[in-house]
Amino acid sequence: MVLPVVERLLEVMPAPRFEVFGTAPVPADLERFGTQARHDPGVRDYQPCLARLKAMGWLGGIAPPADHPFNRCKADIKSLELSLAGMAVVASDLPVYHRACASGAGLLAATDED
């Protein structure tokens, strides 16, 4: 859902980076951007993981953008962790994120089809 936007940003702006944290790899479509698209494997223990996430210094984070049954069953913990790390949150417009993003605490993103 967000990959085309990320690609456009990386094409026109040399400074921004797209980084993934944890088990998710850099999407294959972004490998052409070299060091602008990076992967940090994170850490396994929860408290050090949160500290590392905060130390990344990211401006924003994305909570699962894909609308499929697995993401509809998740808790809103991802958006809460991003907020705790001081990041702006862009989350899927799914019921699980409505409360966490209420009152401007985060941005709910939907596809063009919506």
C-alpha atoms as a PDB file:
ATOM      1  CA  MET A   1       0.000   0.000   0.000  1.00  0.00           C
ATOM      2  CA  VAL A   2       2.783   2.494   0.814  1.00  0.00           C
ATOM      3  CA  LEU A   3       5.540   1.135  -1.406  1.00  0.00           C
ATOM      4  CA  PRO A   4       4.755   3.330  -4.457  1.00  0.00           C
ATOM      5  CA  VAL A   5       4.834   6.460  -2.286  1.00  0.00           C
ATOM      6  CA  VAL A   6       8.126   5.426  -0.669  1.00  0.00           C
ATOM      7  CA  GLU A   7       9.642   4.761  -4.098  1.00  0.00           C
ATOM      8  CA  ARG A   8       8.597   8.195  -5.376  1.00  0.00           C
ATOM      9  CA  LEU A   9      10.070   9.917  -2.321  1.00  0.00           C
ATOM     10  CA  LEU A  10      13.383   8.096  -2.643  1.00  0.00           C
ATOM     11  CA  GLU A  11      13.558   8.883  -6.368  1.00  0.00           C
ATOM     12  CA  VAL A  12      13.094  12.632  -6.003  1.00  0.00           C
ATOM     13  CA  MET A  13      14.774  13.259  -2.645  1.00  0.00           C
ATOM     14  CA  PRO A  14      18.298  11.961  -1.969  1.00  0.00           C
ATOM     15  CA  ALA A  15      18.268  12.566   1.811  1.00  0.00           C
ATOM     16  CA  PRO A  16      15.336  10.454   3.053  1.00  0.00           C
ATOM     17  CA  ARG A  17      15.876   6.850   4.021  1.00  0.00           C
ATOM     18  CA  PHE A  18      13.435   4.004   4.320  1.00  0.00           C
ATOM     19  CA  GLU A  19      14.412   1.628   7.082  1.00  0.00           C
ATOM     20  CA  VAL A  20      12.789  -1.527   8.328  1.00  0.00           C
ATOM     21  CA  PHE A  21      13.287  -2.808  11.846  1.00  0.00           C
ATOM     22  CA  GLY A  22      12.954  -6.387  13.012  1.00  0.00           C
ATOM     23  CA  THR A  23      12.127  -9.459  10.986  1.00  0.00           C
ATOM     24  CA  ALA A  24      10.695  -7.732   7.899  1.00  0.00           C
ATOM     25  CA  PRO A  25      13.253  -7.402   5.084  1.00  0.00           C
ATOM     26  CA  VAL A  26      13.670  -4.377   2.850  1.00  0.00           C
ATOM     27  CA  PRO A  27      11.111  -4.811   0.052  1.00  0.00           C
ATOM     28  CA  ALA A  28      12.810  -6.076  -3.106  1.00  0.00           C
ATOM     29  CA  ASP A  29      11.487  -3.060  -5.061  1.00  0.00           C
ATOM     30  CA  LEU A  30      13.570  -0.769  -2.829  1.00  0.00           C
ATOM     31  CA  GLU A  31      16.885  -2.601  -3.140  1.00  0.00           C
ATOM     32  CA  ARG A  32      17.777  -0.398  -6.123  1.00  0.00           C
ATOM     33  CA  PHE A  33      18.119   2.555  -3.704  1.00  0.00           C
ATOM     34  CA  GLY A  34      21.138   1.008  -1.970  1.00  0.00           C
ATOM     35  CA  THR A  35      21.819   2.568   1.441  1.00  0.00           C
ATOM     36  CA  GLN A  36      18.670   4.706   1.219  1.00  0.00           C
ATOM     37  CA  ALA A  37      16.718   1.513   1.977  1.00  0.00           C
ATOM     38  CA  ARG A  38      18.133  -0.303   4.976  1.00  0.00           C
ATOM     39  CA  HIS A  39      17.281  -3.123   7.347  1.00  0.00           C
ATOM     40  CA  ASP A  40      18.052  -3.231  11.062  1.00  0.00           C
ATOM     41  CA  PRO A  41      17.473  -6.700  12.496  1.00  0.00           C
ATOM     42  CA  GLY A  42      16.505  -5.271  15.882  1.00  0.00           C
ATOM     43  CA  VAL A  43      16.941  -7.252  19.080  1.00  0.00           C
ATOM     44  CA  ARG A  44      14.951 -10.133  20.546  1.00  0.00           C
ATOM     45  CA  ASP A  45      14.376  -8.897  24.101  1.00  0.00           C
ATOM     46  CA  TYR A  46      11.483  -6.455  24.414  1.00  0.00           C
ATOM     47  CA  GLN A  47      12.947  -3.648  26.580  1.00  0.00           C
ATOM     48  CA  PRO A  48      16.229  -3.421  24.616  1.00  0.00           C
ATOM     49  CA  CYS A  49      14.152  -3.559  21.421  1.00  0.00           C
ATOM     50  CA  LEU A  50      12.116  -0.514  22.494  1.00  0.00           C
ATOM     51  CA  ALA A  51      15.293   1.345  23.467  1.00  0.00           C
ATOM     52  CA  ARG A  52      16.878   0.549  20.094  1.00  0.00           C
ATOM     53  CA  LEU A  53      13.730   1.635  18.259  1.00  0.00           C
ATOM     54  CA  LYS A  54      13.777   4.970  20.087  1.00  0.00           C
ATOM     55  CA  ALA A  55      17.511   5.417  19.382  1.00  0.00           C
ATOM     56  CA  MET A  56      16.864   5.072  15.626  1.00  0.00           C
ATOM     57  CA  GLY A  57      15.778   8.724  15.578  1.00  0.00           C
ATOM     58  CA  TRP A  58      13.082   8.131  12.980  1.00  0.00           C
ATOM     59  CA  LEU A  59      10.550  10.861  12.297  1.00  0.00           C
ATOM     60  CA  GLY A  60       7.725   8.443  11.600  1.00  0.00           C
ATOM     61  CA  GLY A  61       6.690   4.840  11.520  1.00  0.00           C
ATOM     62  CA  ILE A  62       4.151   2.726   9.699  1.00  0.00           C
ATOM     63  CA  ALA A  63       1.830   0.326  11.502  1.00  0.00           C
ATOM     64  CA  PRO A  64       0.819  -2.640   9.305  1.00  0.00           C
ATOM     65  CA  PRO A  65      -0.462  -1.062   6.107  1.00  0.00           C
ATOM     66  CA  ALA A  66      -1.941  -4.145   4.467  1.00  0.00           C
ATOM     67  CA  ASP A  67      -5.626  -4.785   5.062  1.00  0.00           C
ATOM     68  CA  HIS A  68      -5.920  -8.536   5.425  1.00  0.00           C
ATOM     69  CA  PRO A  69      -7.341 -10.850   8.111  1.00  0.00           C
ATOM     70  CA  PHE A  70      -4.037 -11.235   9.994  1.00  0.00           C
ATOM     71  CA  ASN A  71      -3.602  -7.471  10.465  1.00  0.00           C
ATOM     72  CA  ARG A  72      -7.267  -7.058  11.409  1.00  0.00           C
ATOM     73  CA  CYS A  73      -6.641  -9.378  14.380  1.00  0.00           C
ATOM     74  CA  LYS A  74      -3.613  -7.506  15.708  1.00  0.00           C
ATOM     75  CA  ALA A  75      -3.578  -5.297  18.764  1.00  0.00           C
ATOM     76  CA  ASP A  76      -2.618  -1.635  18.408  1.00  0.00           C
ATOM     77  CA  ILE A  77       0.715  -2.218  20.150  1.00  0.00           C
ATOM     78  CA  LYS A  78       2.768  -1.320  17.040  1.00  0.00           C
ATOM     79  CA  SER A  79       1.318   2.190  16.921  1.00  0.00           C
ATOM     80  CA  LEU A  80       1.833   2.570  20.673  1.00  0.00           C
ATOM     81  CA  GLU A  81       5.471   1.475  20.407  1.00  0.00           C
ATOM     82  CA  LEU A  82       6.097   3.954  17.600  1.00  0.00           C
ATOM     83  CA  SER A  83       4.517   6.745  19.641  1.00  0.00           C
ATOM     84  CA  LEU A  84       6.553   5.775  22.683  1.00  0.00           C
ATOM     85  CA  ALA A  85       9.681   6.081  20.537  1.00  0.00           C
ATOM     86  CA  GLY A  86       8.662   9.660  19.640  1.00  0.00           C
ATOM     87  CA  MET A  87       7.579   8.972  16.080  1.00  0.00           C
ATOM     88  CA  ALA A  88       4.633  10.188  14.076  1.00  0.00           C
ATOM     89  CA  VAL A  89       2.412   7.202  13.314  1.00  0.00           C
ATOM     90  CA  VAL A  90       0.748   6.318  10.024  1.00  0.00           C
ATOM     91  CA  ALA A  91      -1.491   3.296  10.518  1.00  0.00           C
ATOM     92  CA  SER A  92      -3.890   1.347   8.380  1.00  0.00           C
ATOM     93  CA  ASP A  93      -7.473   2.541   8.608  1.00  0.00           C
ATOM     94  CA  LEU A  94      -8.474  -0.613  10.441  1.00  0.00           C
ATOM     95  CA  PRO A  95     -10.603  -0.780  13.588  1.00  0.00           C
ATOM     96  CA  VAL A  96      -7.627  -1.977  15.619  1.00  0.00           C
ATOM     97  CA  TYR A  97      -5.883   1.406  15.141  1.00  0.00           C
ATOM     98  CA  HIS A  98      -8.881   3.735  15.492  1.00  0.00           C
ATOM     99  CA  ARG A  99      -8.515   4.208  19.248  1.00  0.00           C
ATOM    100  CA  ALA A 100      -4.720   4.581  19.169  1.00  0.00           C
ATOM    101  CA  CYS A 101      -4.918   7.223  16.414  1.00  0.00           C
ATOM    102  CA  ALA A 102      -7.928   9.091  17.813  1.00  0.00           C
ATOM    103  CA  SER A 103      -7.779  12.858  18.346  1.00  0.00           C
ATOM    104  CA  GLY A 104      -4.832  13.278  15.985  1.00  0.00           C
ATOM    105  CA  ALA A 105      -2.496  10.903  17.844  1.00  0.00           C
ATOM    106  CA  GLY A 106      -1.802   9.205  14.521  1.00  0.00           C
ATOM    107  CA  LEU A 107      -2.816   9.288  10.875  1.00  0.00           C
ATOM    108  CA  LEU A 108      -5.061   6.598   9.441  1.00  0.00           C
ATOM    109  CA  ALA A 109      -4.221   5.789   5.827  1.00  0.00           C
ATOM    110  CA  ALA A 110      -6.515   4.099   3.340  1.00  0.00           C
ATOM    111  CA  THR A 111      -6.072   2.939  -0.227  1.00  0.00           C
ATOM    112  CA  ASP A 112      -7.309   4.918  -3.231  1.00  0.00           C
ATOM    113  CA  GLU A 113     -10.136   2.423  -3.578  1.00  0.00           C
ATOM    114  CA  ASP A 114     -11.664   3.571  -0.273  1.00  0.00           C
END
